[in-house]
Amino acid sequence: MAYKYNVIVLFLLLTMMSTLSGQERQIRVIGESSTESLAQAYGQNRQSRKYAIADEDGYLRIAASAGDTIRISYVGFRDTNLVIKKDVLRYVVPMRPGILDEVVVFGEENFNQKAALGLQNVPLEFLKALPGLTGETDVLKSITFLPGVTGGREGYSHLFVRGGKQDQNLMLFDGATLFNVNHAAGFISLFNTSLISQVDFYKSYWPSFYGGRLSSVLDVRTKNGNKEHFDGTVDIGIVTSKVNVSGPLFDNGKTSYSLGARTTLLDLFFLPKRIRINNRKTEGSVPGYTFYDLNAKIDHRFKDDASLSLSLYHGSDIMLGRNYEKSFNLDDDSANRYGLRNWTAALNYSRLLSTRHSLQGHVSYSRHRNYLESDNKLTHYDFKEQYISTDHDIQRTDNAITSLKARINGKYYSGLDLGMSWNINYGLEAEQLAYRFGYQQNTSFITNTSETSQSFTDNLKGPESWLISPYLDAEIELGNSFRIKGGSRITRFFTKGRQEWLPEPKAMLIWETGPHTTINAAYNRQHQPIHMVAYNVEAFFIENFVLADPDILPSSSHQYSLGYFQSLQRWIDNLSLELYYKKQDDVVKYIPPYKDFQTILDFKSSLFQGGYTESYGAEIMIQKTSGDFHGSVAYTWANAESVFPALNQGNPFPADFDYRNQFNTLLVYQINPEYRLSAQWVFLTGRPITWSNEEIPGDPVTGTSYEAFPGINNERLPAYHRLDIGLRRDRVSKKTGKKYWFSLNVYNAYYRKNPYSLERRGNKWKLRSIFPIIPSINLGFEL
């Protein structure tokens, strides 16, 4: 009898605890006009101070009792207060956009709570505020503003995160894997900012949902089309011009489409001279560049809280170098052409099974291809003998890598059990990867009386690789102060001649020491079975990818990090301080032979393996996010060193993009509701280079000589710094109610000649700079 009595008392106590804590409410947050789900929206119960962050479908799950008020906020929208009713468990909250003078650039609500989870959500208003190299804001260049992230070569949209390399970042576009994320000239990335709804970036801790890379995750999601009415924008600039349209596909209010296209007008400046050279009417050299990309998306929302979307992307680039020189008896005609092609297709399905359980499905295909062609024709005239000979040589490489991926993912939210809440995320992902390299050479020799030709073709097709990855993540909330996150992704890697398990365990502890202060500590273990082999030919930077096989090991990493995050209630709003240590094992370094097209087929002979990289550093970020004046300061002190048994006599040397100090400042002033002025200053200590301090004489007959290199990355270039400024005007037409805008950007405003490369001229070395002051103008309007 006493046993039954104790059970009844325990049941009543638990029921009281759950009642006191309130029932779980499900709130879907959407944009008022577009009905777009607002992922990462922030909701807080004003009474209990508990908070929640919306998932990718815009759902908040938070405990609340009848009469409680939930404050919901999202960057660029007005805060909304929702009063909880007694018997209503599910809500839909439309958010109204903020007017121009209320826009907050970095205004994440309760920064300390969101940042401490390991996720850095990049607000779209932040992207719009940064002055751009081309007049258009760029996602990847904006990410490099964050501490711990650098962009590598000036102009290129690369990410080097905490001592890692550019291929060590998992790039996702609506869930599809991306390999090369640059357009060929490197000025801009593949991402059309006008079509983006969400940018999530992880560098300390990321869920086991993601895997296969060592340094970071960048998850970019595109907007759904407007389900209510047609809308569109046009933006015209010299470097990039674009048009985007969206609207309902049918009259049911459930299906929408979104289309976007970009191109460049830059090649119009080079086209006239190139036509004259092609017609042999003038001599000299001329570059050329053109690109386009296309985005398309169809989204449908079902009655039963389910959605289905199809996203498509295609991008194409061509860079040219054309040269023609004529002398008395010789014609030298040459052309180099570098092209990129990128394709992605992603099908995403999401369904809410109950208020606590949801299911997502994903299938995607992505392909990256690049080719390089060199066409050299030399014609010799012997007028005395009436003899003409033409030597024609064409070389071409054609390389590609593909990904085919499928995933099923589930999320379960426990609500309040035993006075605490816990959530789990589980799933299974399968991905097939394959790469190939191709080389072709055609030579011919033509005279007045004869003709000979020869062709050579060689191909390398790497074995297909499979990655089968079950994963599980859990998050437990203990009271109002402690959270524990942890999980693991266990990948089974298959390829011809190699099979192995690649476990990726991780854990994070989060302690809210006060309402505005949070501390976290995290451990992250990662594996990467893909490596980049990149090289330069003339002015072209070529990125190719290979997979682990019996001869090449997957890379791995351990990362430890400690963070302090505070939301200040003073003139400065947000403060973060992070410390990290990362060890990467079995990394590779590709050092190709000089200017040989065919060497990529024999890449293993120039691939140095068995290396490791150690990096550690401190990162500080301070932000002011309220009022007409917005500011952000980011500073990083970092050190990254690599060791390879067969390089540098086994001694440590600085990693290729080891910038010891990095300092970024962004200032934005909203002059009035129409005009906004922004300025960004960037400073980095010089990057390492391999410097030859001695020239050794060689064969006196041929006159050849050799460089003496005392070590790898043994010197540093001078410091890099520049100032970018931008002015933007936004107006709304009184007649049509449509918005139109004008922007003026100046890249490198004080014309700093930053070192790009080093060239030997005689017995001296000369620093080469390629980016002068670059102004750009963009005009845009709504359709």
Foldseek 3Di string as FASTA:
>chain_A
DVVVVVVVVVVVVQVVLQVVQAFKAKEFEAAPQQRWTQFQKKKAWPVQRDIFGHHNRRITIGGDAQQIWIWIDDAQWDIDIDGDHHPHRYYYHHTYGDFLQFGWQQDDPLCQVVVQVQKDKHDLSVQVFDFAQFRHGADQVSVCLAFQWHQPFPQASFTDGQQRGRQQEFEAEQHDTDRAQAFFVRNHGQDDSVFWNIWMKGAFDDAQVDAFGAGIYIHTYGTFFRLAAKWKKWKDWAAKTKIKIKYHPDNPSFKMKIKMKMKHNPQVVQVVVVVCVVVVNDFDKTKGKMKMKMKMKMKGADPQQKIKMKIKMKMKMKIKIWGWDDDPWKIKTKMKIKMKIKIKMKIKMKGDPDSFKIKIKMKMKMKIKMKIKIWIKMWGADPVVRKIKIKIKMKMKIKMKMKTKIKMKMKGWAIAGPSKTKIKIWIKMKMKMWMKMKMKMKIWMDMPVDIDIDIDIDMDTAWMKMKIKIKMKMWIGDRRFKIKIWIKIWIWIDTVADTDIQIKTKIKIWGDPDSFKIKMKMKTKGKHQKDWAWDDDDNGIDIHMDGDDNVADIKMKIKIKIKMWGQDPDQWGIKMKMKMKMKMWFHKDFDFPPNDPPCVSVRVVRIFTGKMKIKIWMKIKIWGTDGQKTKIKIKIAMFMWMAGCVFFVRDIDGRQFGFRIKIKMKIWGNPDSFKIKIKMKIKTAFGFAFDFPDWAFDDPVVRDIDTDTNHGSPDGFGIDMAMKMKMKTWDADPVPRKIKMKMKIKTRVVFDQGFSDWDDDPNDIDGHGDDGIRMMMMIMIMD
